[in-house]
Amino acid sequence: MSEHDSDLPTPASELPVVGEWQAFPTDAAQVAMISGTIWGFLLGLGLALFVATPLLVARDIMPLWSSALVLIGFVLATTVLGIWIGYRRWRFAQWKLDETGLHAKRGHFWRKEILIPRSRVQHLDIERGPIERHFKLATLIVHTAGTRQHALRQPGFNDADAVALRDALVPASDRHDDVL
């Protein structure tokens, strides 16, 4: 029997700690804050432009330099808010893998806990954007039975952990179905 014909699960030594809640790595916090910075800046810029048009048209309300300072302050405030939200999203996210499947917890005030049983896993994807690649992180996407909208998209895994989880969650019967 060759090693490709084996239906054995991934050895436990290659997997992260099994059965215990785990926080995402601190590099994931940096990625979350960078993402929050980008989204906060873009949101602030868009809203500032929406607000800027009436202020610039009605110059008698505020002088031009004063309007510009208000808009710059608004963009800075939304950027800082985006950084804070990104950090909080990382801070209150955890995951664990056990015999039933992959669990994910998110949120502090509005908590959400997701369980994806191994038997419902259809296929798994790993995405690595440019910022994630720089920090050696990956996003694990677990597609489940149902429509194309049934998937867990969880960013922040170490690259090696994402690969090990992908290999561990694939049902044993489907592991080598494409091998000749």
C-alpha atoms as a PDB file:
ATOM      1  CA  MET A   1       0.000   0.000   0.000  1.00  0.00           C
ATOM      2  CA  SER A   2       1.497   3.367  -1.031  1.00  0.00           C
ATOM      3  CA  GLU A   3       1.336   6.462   1.108  1.00  0.00           C
ATOM      4  CA  HIS A   4      -1.171   8.002  -1.359  1.00  0.00           C
ATOM      5  CA  ASP A   5      -3.636   5.182  -0.745  1.00  0.00           C
ATOM      6  CA  SER A   6      -3.735   5.802   2.976  1.00  0.00           C
ATOM      7  CA  ASP A   7      -7.026   7.048   4.394  1.00  0.00           C
ATOM      8  CA  LEU A   8      -5.467   7.867   7.713  1.00  0.00           C
ATOM      9  CA  PRO A   9      -6.199  11.319   9.131  1.00  0.00           C
ATOM     10  CA  THR A  10      -3.490  13.922   9.438  1.00  0.00           C
ATOM     11  CA  PRO A  11      -1.212  13.008  12.350  1.00  0.00           C
ATOM     12  CA  ALA A  12      -2.016  14.908  15.536  1.00  0.00           C
ATOM     13  CA  SER A  13       1.568  16.159  15.711  1.00  0.00           C
ATOM     14  CA  GLU A  14       0.964  18.268  12.563  1.00  0.00           C
ATOM     15  CA  LEU A  15      -2.266  19.790  13.848  1.00  0.00           C
ATOM     16  CA  PRO A  16      -2.644  22.672  16.246  1.00  0.00           C
ATOM     17  CA  VAL A  17      -3.743  21.719  19.772  1.00  0.00           C
ATOM     18  CA  VAL A  18      -6.908  19.686  19.300  1.00  0.00           C
ATOM     19  CA  GLY A  19     -10.015  20.339  21.406  1.00  0.00           C
ATOM     20  CA  GLU A  20      -8.983  23.585  23.122  1.00  0.00           C
ATOM     21  CA  TRP A  21     -10.091  27.108  22.242  1.00  0.00           C
ATOM     22  CA  GLN A  22      -7.239  28.974  20.613  1.00  0.00           C
ATOM     23  CA  ALA A  23      -6.724  32.638  19.917  1.00  0.00           C
ATOM     24  CA  PHE A  24      -5.460  33.775  16.565  1.00  0.00           C
ATOM     25  CA  PRO A  25      -1.796  34.833  16.379  1.00  0.00           C
ATOM     26  CA  THR A  26      -0.766  38.406  17.175  1.00  0.00           C
ATOM     27  CA  ASP A  27       0.226  38.924  13.548  1.00  0.00           C
ATOM     28  CA  ALA A  28      -3.466  38.473  12.753  1.00  0.00           C
ATOM     29  CA  ALA A  29      -4.176  41.489  14.973  1.00  0.00           C
ATOM     30  CA  GLN A  30      -1.847  43.589  12.837  1.00  0.00           C
ATOM     31  CA  VAL A  31      -3.540  42.391   9.659  1.00  0.00           C
ATOM     32  CA  ALA A  32      -6.979  43.111  11.168  1.00  0.00           C
ATOM     33  CA  MET A  33      -5.892  46.614  12.165  1.00  0.00           C
ATOM     34  CA  ILE A  34      -4.410  47.278   8.707  1.00  0.00           C
ATOM     35  CA  SER A  35      -7.678  46.127   7.153  1.00  0.00           C
ATOM     36  CA  GLY A  36      -9.605  48.321   9.594  1.00  0.00           C
ATOM     37  CA  THR A  37      -7.387  51.270   8.679  1.00  0.00           C
ATOM     38  CA  ILE A  38      -8.119  50.845   4.977  1.00  0.00           C
ATOM     39  CA  TRP A  39     -11.884  50.409   5.452  1.00  0.00           C
ATOM     40  CA  GLY A  40     -12.105  53.228   7.999  1.00  0.00           C
ATOM     41  CA  PHE A  41     -10.190  55.603   5.735  1.00  0.00           C
ATOM     42  CA  LEU A  42     -12.297  54.742   2.668  1.00  0.00           C
ATOM     43  CA  LEU A  43     -15.546  55.035   4.623  1.00  0.00           C
ATOM     44  CA  GLY A  44     -14.450  58.332   6.154  1.00  0.00           C
ATOM     45  CA  LEU A  45     -13.336  59.680   2.804  1.00  0.00           C
ATOM     46  CA  GLY A  46     -16.615  58.698   1.156  1.00  0.00           C
ATOM     47  CA  LEU A  47     -18.721  60.206   3.930  1.00  0.00           C
ATOM     48  CA  ALA A  48     -16.536  63.308   4.051  1.00  0.00           C
ATOM     49  CA  LEU A  49     -17.034  63.866   0.331  1.00  0.00           C
ATOM     50  CA  PHE A  50     -20.765  63.395   0.828  1.00  0.00           C
ATOM     51  CA  VAL A  51     -20.735  65.992   3.610  1.00  0.00           C
ATOM     52  CA  ALA A  52     -18.165  68.242   1.885  1.00  0.00           C
ATOM     53  CA  THR A  53     -20.365  69.116  -1.068  1.00  0.00           C
ATOM     54  CA  PRO A  54     -23.002  70.978   0.979  1.00  0.00           C
ATOM     55  CA  LEU A  55     -20.319  72.663   3.113  1.00  0.00           C
ATOM     56  CA  LEU A  56     -18.405  73.898   0.090  1.00  0.00           C
ATOM     57  CA  VAL A  57     -21.576  75.095  -1.638  1.00  0.00           C
ATOM     58  CA  ALA A  58     -22.739  77.004   1.452  1.00  0.00           C
ATOM     59  CA  ARG A  59     -19.489  78.821   2.259  1.00  0.00           C
ATOM     60  CA  ASP A  60     -21.345  81.372   4.334  1.00  0.00           C
ATOM     61  CA  ILE A  61     -21.847  78.730   7.075  1.00  0.00           C
ATOM     62  CA  MET A  62     -18.137  78.019   7.584  1.00  0.00           C
ATOM     63  CA  PRO A  63     -14.930  79.330   6.053  1.00  0.00           C
ATOM     64  CA  LEU A  64     -13.161  77.014   3.603  1.00  0.00           C
ATOM     65  CA  TRP A  65     -10.187  76.240   5.879  1.00  0.00           C
ATOM     66  CA  SER A  66     -12.512  75.430   8.752  1.00  0.00           C
ATOM     67  CA  SER A  67     -14.568  73.070   6.566  1.00  0.00           C
ATOM     68  CA  ALA A  68     -11.375  71.348   5.411  1.00  0.00           C
ATOM     69  CA  LEU A  69     -10.229  70.830   9.012  1.00  0.00           C
ATOM     70  CA  VAL A  70     -13.601  69.332   9.973  1.00  0.00           C
ATOM     71  CA  LEU A  71     -13.462  66.934   7.019  1.00  0.00           C
ATOM     72  CA  ILE A  72      -9.860  65.900   7.733  1.00  0.00           C
ATOM     73  CA  GLY A  73     -10.775  65.340  11.388  1.00  0.00           C
ATOM     74  CA  PHE A  74     -13.741  63.241  10.308  1.00  0.00           C
ATOM     75  CA  VAL A  75     -11.569  61.064   8.043  1.00  0.00           C
ATOM     76  CA  LEU A  76      -9.000  60.624  10.827  1.00  0.00           C
ATOM     77  CA  ALA A  77     -11.719  59.708  13.325  1.00  0.00           C
ATOM     78  CA  THR A  78     -13.215  57.025  11.060  1.00  0.00           C
ATOM     79  CA  THR A  79      -9.725  55.664  10.355  1.00  0.00           C
ATOM     80  CA  VAL A  80      -8.979  55.351  14.076  1.00  0.00           C
ATOM     81  CA  LEU A  81     -12.397  53.752  14.588  1.00  0.00           C
ATOM     82  CA  GLY A  82     -11.566  51.235  11.835  1.00  0.00           C
ATOM     83  CA  ILE A  83      -8.281  50.351  13.561  1.00  0.00           C
ATOM     84  CA  TRP A  84     -10.089  49.864  16.880  1.00  0.00           C
ATOM     85  CA  ILE A  85     -12.803  47.693  15.296  1.00  0.00           C
ATOM     86  CA  GLY A  86     -10.154  45.565  13.559  1.00  0.00           C
ATOM     87  CA  TYR A  87      -8.354  45.004  16.858  1.00  0.00           C
ATOM     88  CA  ARG A  88     -11.588  44.107  18.664  1.00  0.00           C
ATOM     89  CA  ARG A  89     -12.548  41.646  15.933  1.00  0.00           C
ATOM     90  CA  TRP A  90      -9.197  39.884  16.383  1.00  0.00           C
ATOM     91  CA  ARG A  91      -9.302  40.080  20.188  1.00  0.00           C
ATOM     92  CA  PHE A  92     -12.664  38.353  20.494  1.00  0.00           C
ATOM     93  CA  ALA A  93     -12.220  35.601  17.907  1.00  0.00           C
ATOM     94  CA  GLN A  94     -11.196  32.047  18.783  1.00  0.00           C
ATOM     95  CA  TRP A  95     -11.282  28.642  17.169  1.00  0.00           C
ATOM     96  CA  LYS A  96     -10.929  24.980  18.032  1.00  0.00           C
ATOM     97  CA  LEU A  97     -10.863  21.666  16.253  1.00  0.00           C
ATOM     98  CA  ASP A  98     -12.286  18.565  17.894  1.00  0.00           C
ATOM     99  CA  GLU A  99     -13.764  15.234  16.854  1.00  0.00           C
ATOM    100  CA  THR A 100     -17.054  16.858  15.785  1.00  0.00           C
ATOM    101  CA  GLY A 101     -15.500  19.508  13.548  1.00  0.00           C
ATOM    102  CA  LEU A 102     -14.305  23.096  13.447  1.00  0.00           C
ATOM    103  CA  HIS A 103     -15.686  25.601  15.952  1.00  0.00           C
ATOM    104  CA  ALA A 104     -15.317  29.379  15.656  1.00  0.00           C
ATOM    105  CA  LYS A 105     -16.325  32.034  18.196  1.00  0.00           C
ATOM    106  CA  ARG A 106     -16.590  35.725  17.395  1.00  0.00           C
ATOM    107  CA  GLY A 107     -17.733  38.871  19.127  1.00  0.00           C
ATOM    108  CA  HIS A 108     -17.921  40.286  22.611  1.00  0.00           C
ATOM    109  CA  PHE A 109     -21.380  41.812  22.979  1.00  0.00           C
ATOM    110  CA  TRP A 110     -23.060  39.967  20.109  1.00  0.00           C
ATOM    111  CA  ARG A 111     -21.443  36.582  20.310  1.00  0.00           C
ATOM    112  CA  LYS A 112     -21.592  34.128  17.474  1.00  0.00           C
ATOM    113  CA  GLU A 113     -20.443  30.540  17.702  1.00  0.00           C
ATOM    114  CA  ILE A 114     -20.206  28.438  14.568  1.00  0.00           C
ATOM    115  CA  LEU A 115     -19.775  24.667  14.368  1.00  0.00           C
ATOM    116  CA  ILE A 116     -18.967  23.027  11.079  1.00  0.00           C
ATOM    117  CA  PRO A 117     -19.294  19.255  11.461  1.00  0.00           C
ATOM    118  CA  ARG A 118     -16.737  17.254   9.506  1.00  0.00           C
ATOM    119  CA  SER A 119     -19.557  15.410   7.756  1.00  0.00           C
ATOM    120  CA  ARG A 120     -20.908  18.669   6.257  1.00  0.00           C
ATOM    121  CA  VAL A 121     -17.607  19.836   4.764  1.00  0.00           C
ATOM    122  CA  GLN A 122     -17.805  19.906   0.959  1.00  0.00           C
ATOM    123  CA  HIS A 123     -14.472  21.486   0.147  1.00  0.00           C
ATOM    124  CA  LEU A 124     -11.948  23.896   1.610  1.00  0.00           C
ATOM    125  CA  ASP A 125     -10.045  26.832   0.185  1.00  0.00           C
ATOM    126  CA  ILE A 126      -7.106  28.781   1.503  1.00  0.00           C
ATOM    127  CA  GLU A 127      -6.673  32.399   0.468  1.00  0.00           C
ATOM    128  CA  ARG A 128      -3.591  34.488   1.036  1.00  0.00           C
ATOM    129  CA  GLY A 129      -3.798  38.171   0.191  1.00  0.00           C
ATOM    130  CA  PRO A 130      -0.657  40.316  -0.104  1.00  0.00           C
ATOM    131  CA  ILE A 131      -0.845  41.564   3.482  1.00  0.00           C
ATOM    132  CA  GLU A 132      -1.549  38.064   4.813  1.00  0.00           C
ATOM    133  CA  ARG A 133       1.373  36.633   2.820  1.00  0.00           C
ATOM    134  CA  HIS A 134       3.672  39.244   4.336  1.00  0.00           C
ATOM    135  CA  PHE A 135       2.685  38.106   7.840  1.00  0.00           C
ATOM    136  CA  LYS A 136       2.602  34.377   6.855  1.00  0.00           C
ATOM    137  CA  LEU A 137      -1.146  34.160   7.528  1.00  0.00           C
ATOM    138  CA  ALA A 138      -4.047  32.691   5.571  1.00  0.00           C
ATOM    139  CA  THR A 139      -7.831  32.764   5.371  1.00  0.00           C
ATOM    140  CA  LEU A 140      -9.503  29.357   5.621  1.00  0.00           C
ATOM    141  CA  ILE A 141     -12.767  29.032   3.716  1.00  0.00           C
ATOM    142  CA  VAL A 142     -14.835  25.971   4.611  1.00  0.00           C
ATOM    143  CA  HIS A 143     -17.672  25.280   2.172  1.00  0.00           C
ATOM    144  CA  THR A 144     -20.513  23.237   3.583  1.00  0.00           C
ATOM    145  CA  ALA A 145     -23.414  21.323   2.075  1.00  0.00           C
ATOM    146  CA  GLY A 146     -26.052  23.688   0.760  1.00  0.00           C
ATOM    147  CA  THR A 147     -25.935  26.684  -1.508  1.00  0.00           C
ATOM    148  CA  ARG A 148     -22.799  28.568  -2.463  1.00  0.00           C
ATOM    149  CA  GLN A 149     -23.484  30.973   0.384  1.00  0.00           C
ATOM    150  CA  HIS A 150     -22.937  28.295   3.012  1.00  0.00           C
ATOM    151  CA  ALA A 151     -19.314  28.793   3.926  1.00  0.00           C
ATOM    152  CA  LEU A 152     -17.225  29.860   6.871  1.00  0.00           C
ATOM    153  CA  ARG A 153     -14.617  32.437   5.911  1.00  0.00           C
ATOM    154  CA  GLN A 154     -12.160  32.756   8.786  1.00  0.00           C
ATOM    155  CA  PRO A 155      -9.089  34.960   8.388  1.00  0.00           C
ATOM    156  CA  GLY A 156      -6.123  35.046  10.724  1.00  0.00           C
ATOM    157  CA  PHE A 157      -4.760  31.503  10.736  1.00  0.00           C
ATOM    158  CA  ASN A 158      -1.034  30.864  10.613  1.00  0.00           C
ATOM    159  CA  ASP A 159      -0.307  29.516   7.148  1.00  0.00           C
ATOM    160  CA  ALA A 160       0.795  26.119   8.483  1.00  0.00           C
ATOM    161  CA  ASP A 161      -2.285  25.861  10.736  1.00  0.00           C
ATOM    162  CA  ALA A 162      -4.611  26.638   7.817  1.00  0.00           C
ATOM    163  CA  VAL A 163      -3.032  23.892   5.718  1.00  0.00           C
ATOM    164  CA  ALA A 164      -3.166  21.405   8.617  1.00  0.00           C
ATOM    165  CA  LEU A 165      -6.823  22.268   9.313  1.00  0.00           C
ATOM    166  CA  ARG A 166      -7.671  21.912   5.637  1.00  0.00           C
ATOM    167  CA  ASP A 167      -6.083  18.468   5.592  1.00  0.00           C
ATOM    168  CA  ALA A 168      -7.728  17.439   8.873  1.00  0.00           C
ATOM    169  CA  LEU A 169     -11.236  18.547   7.849  1.00  0.00           C
ATOM    170  CA  VAL A 170     -11.342  16.761   4.514  1.00  0.00           C
ATOM    171  CA  PRO A 171     -13.433  13.630   5.001  1.00  0.00           C
ATOM    172  CA  ALA A 172     -11.230  10.520   4.906  1.00  0.00           C
ATOM    173  CA  SER A 173     -13.273   9.025   2.062  1.00  0.00           C
ATOM    174  CA  ASP A 174     -12.599  12.077  -0.139  1.00  0.00           C
ATOM    175  CA  ARG A 175      -8.879  12.480   0.543  1.00  0.00           C
ATOM    176  CA  HIS A 176      -7.482  10.602  -2.399  1.00  0.00           C
ATOM    177  CA  ASP A 177     -10.440  10.184  -4.719  1.00  0.00           C
ATOM    178  CA  ASP A 178      -8.520  11.766  -7.611  1.00  0.00           C
ATOM    179  CA  VAL A 179      -5.455   9.501  -7.324  1.00  0.00           C
ATOM    180  CA  LEU A 180      -5.151   6.901 -10.070  1.00  0.00           C
END
